[in-house]
Amino acid sequence: MSSHSSGIRTSLCDRSEPDSACPAGVRFLSEEAATVVDSRNHRRSDADRSASREQDRVLLACDLHDGMLQHVIGAQMRLQSLLNADTTMAEPVRREIALSLNLIEKSICEARHLVRGLRPPGLEESDIVSALQELIRELPAGGPRVDLETEGPFDGLDDVLEDCLFRMVQESLANARRHSRSDQILVRLAANGDVVRLQIRDWGTGFDTSQASAGNFGLQGMQERARLLGGRITIKSDPGKGTQVFVELPIVRAPGQAAQVSKRSYE
């Protein structure tokens, strides 16, 4: 029996022979094997698309930062120099330039925010745990305490998987801080064998999951990321009982690495 990456089914039986010449058991095994090959090809295709999308996001972030953003900053500097150098400029013109500079500054801030959103901070220089610690440390003050618990090691995780985990935590924390009214949020990340598990929990107002809006693009994005990586996501919540997000994703782990447990709290 042979198989091909194109997903073409190759039978154990010669199709030039009548069906009676091919035992039913052999036909069944042939069809099952072809189904497994097709399934693996489909999962590989999903993973390739996810990796390609992440590469596109990184390239877009670089283009925004090194191209458009630098041109806008250059325009800002030229206008500021003009405003400072011409002391004879009429006041109405000076006000218009000042307003233009204010709009440019807002555009620069939005572009930088977009670049940070496209390119998770810390993941290129460190592992997922360090990136999550930095994400939590940079949360605005005055919100709930966030506890991060990890059980690893995580140094063998694929880049696409790390990005997926980071984005899911980022989205879940944003939702919990915005809607839950909880005074505590727990993020738990554990890698065991060939599976990594993520849990985000709050003890806030909760919601009726059956009434969740179909237009919740953050939730849809999390579900799509899990699907593309061959995993699953479950959300458990009830009004007044808080919310829990469970994510399970497959990984490949190099053998012989000892697990480490850590816990940190961030105000």
Protein backbone atom coordinates (compact mmCIF):
# COMPACT_ATOMS: atom_id res chain seq x y z
CA MET A 1 0.00 0.00 0.00
CA SER A 2 1.21 3.51 -0.76
CA SER A 3 -0.06 6.99 -0.04
CA HIS A 4 0.58 10.43 -1.46
CA SER A 5 0.41 13.90 0.04
CA SER A 6 -2.18 14.88 -2.53
CA GLY A 7 -4.69 12.72 -0.69
CA ILE A 8 -5.21 10.22 -3.58
CA ARG A 9 -6.55 6.98 -2.24
CA THR A 10 -4.52 3.86 -3.14
CA SER A 11 -6.27 0.55 -2.59
CA LEU A 12 -4.79 -2.70 -1.40
CA CYS A 13 -6.82 -4.33 -4.16
CA ASP A 14 -6.22 -4.11 -7.87
CA ARG A 15 -9.23 -2.31 -9.32
CA SER A 16 -8.88 -4.30 -12.51
CA GLU A 17 -10.08 -7.31 -10.52
CA PRO A 18 -13.76 -7.87 -9.74
CA ASP A 19 -14.97 -6.96 -6.26
CA SER A 20 -15.31 -10.63 -5.45
CA ALA A 21 -11.54 -11.05 -5.82
CA CYS A 22 -10.89 -8.50 -3.06
CA PRO A 23 -11.83 -9.71 0.44
CA ALA A 24 -14.18 -7.44 2.38
CA GLY A 25 -11.70 -7.11 5.26
CA VAL A 26 -8.94 -5.93 2.94
CA ARG A 27 -11.27 -3.41 1.29
CA PHE A 28 -12.24 -2.08 4.73
CA LEU A 29 -8.59 -1.68 5.83
CA SER A 30 -7.75 0.02 2.55
CA GLU A 31 -10.57 2.53 2.92
CA GLU A 32 -9.74 3.18 6.60
CA ALA A 33 -6.07 3.77 5.77
CA ALA A 34 -7.01 6.20 3.02
CA THR A 35 -9.30 8.05 5.46
CA VAL A 36 -6.45 8.38 7.97
CA VAL A 37 -4.12 9.75 5.26
CA ASP A 38 -6.76 12.27 4.15
CA SER A 39 -7.32 13.35 7.77
CA ARG A 40 -3.60 13.84 8.37
CA ASN A 41 -3.25 15.83 5.16
CA HIS A 42 -6.18 18.03 6.21
CA ARG A 43 -4.65 18.72 9.63
CA ARG A 44 -1.29 19.46 8.04
CA SER A 45 -2.97 21.84 5.62
CA ASP A 46 -4.69 23.66 8.50
CA ALA A 47 -1.39 23.98 10.38
CA ASP A 48 0.35 25.27 7.25
CA ARG A 49 -2.37 27.89 6.74
CA SER A 50 -2.08 28.99 10.38
CA ALA A 51 1.71 29.32 10.07
CA SER A 52 1.31 31.24 6.82
CA ARG A 53 -1.18 33.63 8.40
CA GLU A 54 1.17 34.27 11.31
CA GLN A 55 4.02 34.97 8.91
CA ASP A 56 1.79 37.42 7.04
CA ARG A 57 0.97 39.20 10.31
CA VAL A 58 4.67 39.54 11.16
CA LEU A 59 5.46 40.89 7.69
CA LEU A 60 2.57 43.35 7.93
CA ALA A 61 3.81 44.54 11.31
CA CYS A 62 7.28 45.12 9.85
CA ASP A 63 5.87 46.97 6.85
CA LEU A 64 3.76 49.23 9.06
CA HIS A 65 6.64 49.98 11.41
CA ASP A 66 9.44 50.39 8.86
CA GLY A 67 7.39 51.95 6.07
CA MET A 68 4.20 53.90 6.68
CA LEU A 69 4.92 54.76 10.31
CA GLN A 70 8.32 56.22 9.50
CA HIS A 71 6.83 58.41 6.75
CA VAL A 72 4.19 59.74 9.13
CA ILE A 73 6.83 60.48 11.77
CA GLY A 74 8.87 62.29 9.12
CA ALA A 75 5.87 64.45 8.21
CA GLN A 76 5.34 65.22 11.89
CA MET A 77 8.94 66.36 12.31
CA ARG A 78 8.81 68.62 9.24
CA LEU A 79 5.59 70.29 10.38
CA GLN A 80 6.96 70.77 13.89
CA SER A 81 10.14 72.32 12.49
CA LEU A 82 8.09 74.66 10.31
CA LEU A 83 5.98 75.70 13.30
CA ASN A 84 9.06 76.39 15.44
CA ALA A 85 11.07 78.19 12.74
CA ASP A 86 8.49 80.65 11.35
CA THR A 87 7.77 83.17 14.06
CA THR A 88 5.86 85.42 11.63
CA MET A 89 3.23 82.80 10.85
CA ALA A 90 -0.35 84.03 11.20
CA GLU A 91 -2.10 82.69 14.27
CA PRO A 92 -4.92 80.91 12.37
CA VAL A 93 -2.31 79.06 10.30
CA ARG A 94 -0.35 78.20 13.46
CA ARG A 95 -3.50 76.75 15.04
CA GLU A 96 -4.24 74.64 11.96
CA ILE A 97 -0.72 73.23 11.95
CA ALA A 98 -0.98 72.49 15.68
CA LEU A 99 -4.28 70.63 15.07
CA SER A 100 -2.66 68.70 12.23
CA LEU A 101 0.24 67.74 14.48
CA ASN A 102 -2.21 66.50 17.09
CA LEU A 103 -3.96 64.29 14.51
CA ILE A 104 -0.62 62.95 13.31
CA GLU A 105 0.39 62.10 16.88
CA LYS A 106 -2.85 60.16 17.36
CA SER A 107 -2.23 58.30 14.12
CA ILE A 108 1.28 57.37 15.24
CA CYS A 109 -0.04 56.06 18.55
CA GLU A 110 -2.72 53.99 16.79
CA ALA A 111 -0.18 52.59 14.31
CA ARG A 112 2.19 51.60 17.10
CA HIS A 113 -0.67 49.95 18.97
CA LEU A 114 -1.58 48.03 15.83
CA VAL A 115 2.00 46.88 15.33
CA ARG A 116 2.14 45.63 18.94
CA GLY A 117 -1.12 43.80 18.37
CA LEU A 118 0.13 42.10 15.21
CA ARG A 119 3.41 41.07 16.74
CA PRO A 120 3.16 39.62 20.28
CA PRO A 121 5.75 41.31 22.50
CA GLY A 122 8.49 39.15 23.91
CA LEU A 123 7.83 36.00 21.92
CA GLU A 124 10.73 36.53 19.53
CA GLU A 125 13.26 36.97 22.34
CA SER A 126 11.82 34.65 25.02
CA ASP A 127 9.40 31.83 25.69
CA ILE A 128 5.64 31.87 26.21
CA VAL A 129 5.88 32.11 30.01
CA SER A 130 8.06 35.24 29.92
CA ALA A 131 5.77 36.81 27.31
CA LEU A 132 2.69 36.16 29.47
CA GLN A 133 4.43 37.58 32.53
CA GLU A 134 5.20 40.74 30.57
CA LEU A 135 1.62 40.91 29.25
CA ILE A 136 0.24 40.73 32.78
CA ARG A 137 2.71 43.26 34.16
CA GLU A 138 1.67 45.77 31.49
CA LEU A 139 -2.05 45.55 32.26
CA PRO A 140 -3.56 48.90 33.31
CA ALA A 141 -3.54 49.57 37.03
CA GLY A 142 -6.69 49.34 39.10
CA GLY A 143 -7.98 46.08 37.68
CA PRO A 144 -8.29 42.63 39.24
CA ARG A 145 -5.31 40.68 40.50
CA VAL A 146 -4.03 38.21 37.91
CA ASP A 147 -2.38 34.96 39.04
CA LEU A 148 -0.23 33.06 36.55
CA GLU A 149 0.50 29.39 37.21
CA THR A 150 2.71 27.37 34.86
CA GLU A 151 3.81 23.77 34.68
CA GLY A 152 6.32 23.07 31.93
CA PRO A 153 8.84 23.01 30.42
CA PHE A 154 7.79 25.14 27.45
CA ASP A 155 11.05 25.62 25.56
CA GLY A 156 10.09 23.09 22.90
CA LEU A 157 6.84 24.72 21.79
CA ASP A 158 6.36 25.71 18.17
CA ASP A 159 6.25 29.44 17.39
CA VAL A 160 2.73 29.23 15.97
CA LEU A 161 1.52 27.41 19.07
CA GLU A 162 3.10 30.02 21.35
CA ASP A 163 1.40 32.81 19.42
CA CYS A 164 -1.94 31.01 19.64
CA LEU A 165 -1.64 30.62 23.43
CA PHE A 166 -0.56 34.25 23.87
CA ARG A 167 -3.48 35.59 21.83
CA MET A 168 -5.99 33.44 23.71
CA VAL A 169 -4.74 34.69 27.07
CA GLN A 170 -4.70 38.27 25.79
CA GLU A 171 -8.30 38.06 24.56
CA SER A 172 -9.56 36.26 27.68
CA LEU A 173 -7.94 38.78 30.02
CA ALA A 174 -9.42 41.67 28.05
CA ASN A 175 -12.90 40.11 28.24
CA ALA A 176 -12.61 39.33 31.95
CA ARG A 177 -11.36 42.81 32.84
CA ARG A 178 -14.03 44.43 30.70
CA HIS A 179 -17.08 42.41 31.67
CA SER A 180 -16.62 40.11 34.67
CA ARG A 181 -16.26 42.59 37.56
CA SER A 182 -14.15 39.95 39.24
CA ASP A 183 -11.42 40.93 41.70
CA GLN A 184 -9.25 37.99 40.67
CA ILE A 185 -8.30 36.21 37.44
CA LEU A 186 -6.38 32.94 37.23
CA VAL A 187 -4.29 31.93 34.20
CA ARG A 188 -3.00 28.37 34.32
CA LEU A 189 -0.75 26.92 31.60
CA ALA A 190 0.47 23.32 31.68
CA ALA A 191 2.37 21.18 29.17
CA ASN A 192 2.05 17.45 29.79
CA GLY A 193 3.26 14.87 27.30
CA ASP A 194 1.90 15.77 23.88
CA VAL A 195 -0.78 18.21 25.08
CA VAL A 196 -0.70 21.78 26.35
CA ARG A 197 -3.65 22.95 28.44
CA LEU A 198 -4.67 26.53 29.13
CA GLN A 199 -7.26 27.70 31.65
CA ILE A 200 -8.41 31.27 32.28
CA ARG A 201 -10.86 31.69 35.15
CA ASP A 202 -12.61 34.60 36.86
CA TRP A 203 -15.08 34.72 39.73
CA GLY A 204 -17.23 37.51 38.33
CA THR A 205 -20.71 38.04 36.97
CA GLY A 206 -20.59 35.27 34.36
CA PHE A 207 -23.02 35.02 31.44
CA ASP A 208 -25.39 32.67 29.69
CA THR A 209 -23.25 30.89 27.08
CA SER A 210 -26.34 30.03 25.02
CA GLN A 211 -26.94 33.75 24.54
CA ALA A 212 -23.38 34.60 23.53
CA SER A 213 -23.38 36.93 20.56
CA ALA A 214 -22.54 35.42 17.19
CA GLY A 215 -20.74 38.69 16.46
CA ASN A 216 -18.18 38.14 19.23
CA PHE A 217 -15.14 38.20 16.96
CA GLY A 218 -12.72 37.69 19.86
CA LEU A 219 -14.39 34.41 20.79
CA GLN A 220 -14.65 33.37 17.15
CA GLY A 221 -10.94 34.06 16.69
CA MET A 222 -10.06 31.86 19.67
CA GLN A 223 -12.21 29.04 18.33
CA GLU A 224 -10.64 29.34 14.88
CA ARG A 225 -7.10 29.27 16.29
CA ALA A 226 -7.87 26.13 18.30
CA ARG A 227 -9.45 24.46 15.28
CA LEU A 228 -6.52 25.21 12.97
CA LEU A 229 -4.09 23.66 15.44
CA GLY A 230 -6.20 20.54 15.92
CA GLY A 231 -7.31 21.44 19.44
CA ARG A 232 -10.48 22.44 21.22
CA ILE A 233 -11.80 25.23 23.39
CA THR A 234 -14.58 25.03 25.98
CA ILE A 235 -16.21 27.96 27.77
CA LYS A 236 -18.15 27.36 30.97
CA SER A 237 -20.11 30.19 32.55
CA ASP A 238 -23.35 30.92 34.35
CA PRO A 239 -24.78 34.25 35.52
CA GLY A 240 -23.31 35.08 38.92
CA LYS A 241 -20.86 32.14 38.88
CA GLY A 242 -17.91 33.45 36.91
CA THR A 243 -16.38 32.16 33.68
CA GLN A 244 -13.83 29.51 32.81
CA VAL A 245 -12.10 29.09 29.46
CA PHE A 246 -10.45 25.71 28.81
CA VAL A 247 -8.11 25.20 25.85
CA GLU A 248 -6.39 21.96 24.86
CA LEU A 249 -3.88 21.89 22.00
CA PRO A 250 -1.60 19.11 20.71
CA ILE A 251 2.17 19.55 20.86
CA VAL A 252 5.30 17.55 20.17
CA ARG A 253 7.62 17.41 23.19
CA ALA A 254 11.26 16.31 23.23
CA PRO A 255 11.68 13.52 25.83
CA GLY A 256 13.66 13.75 29.05
CA GLN A 257 12.67 17.26 30.19
CA ALA A 258 11.62 17.74 33.78
CA ALA A 259 8.53 19.78 34.62
CA GLN A 260 8.79 22.97 36.62
CA VAL A 261 5.98 24.56 38.62
CA SER A 262 5.77 28.28 39.34
CA LYS A 263 3.18 30.73 40.58
CA ARG A 264 3.22 34.51 40.44
CA SER A 265 0.65 37.13 41.31
CA TYR A 266 0.43 40.56 39.71
CA GLU A 267 -1.62 43.48 40.93
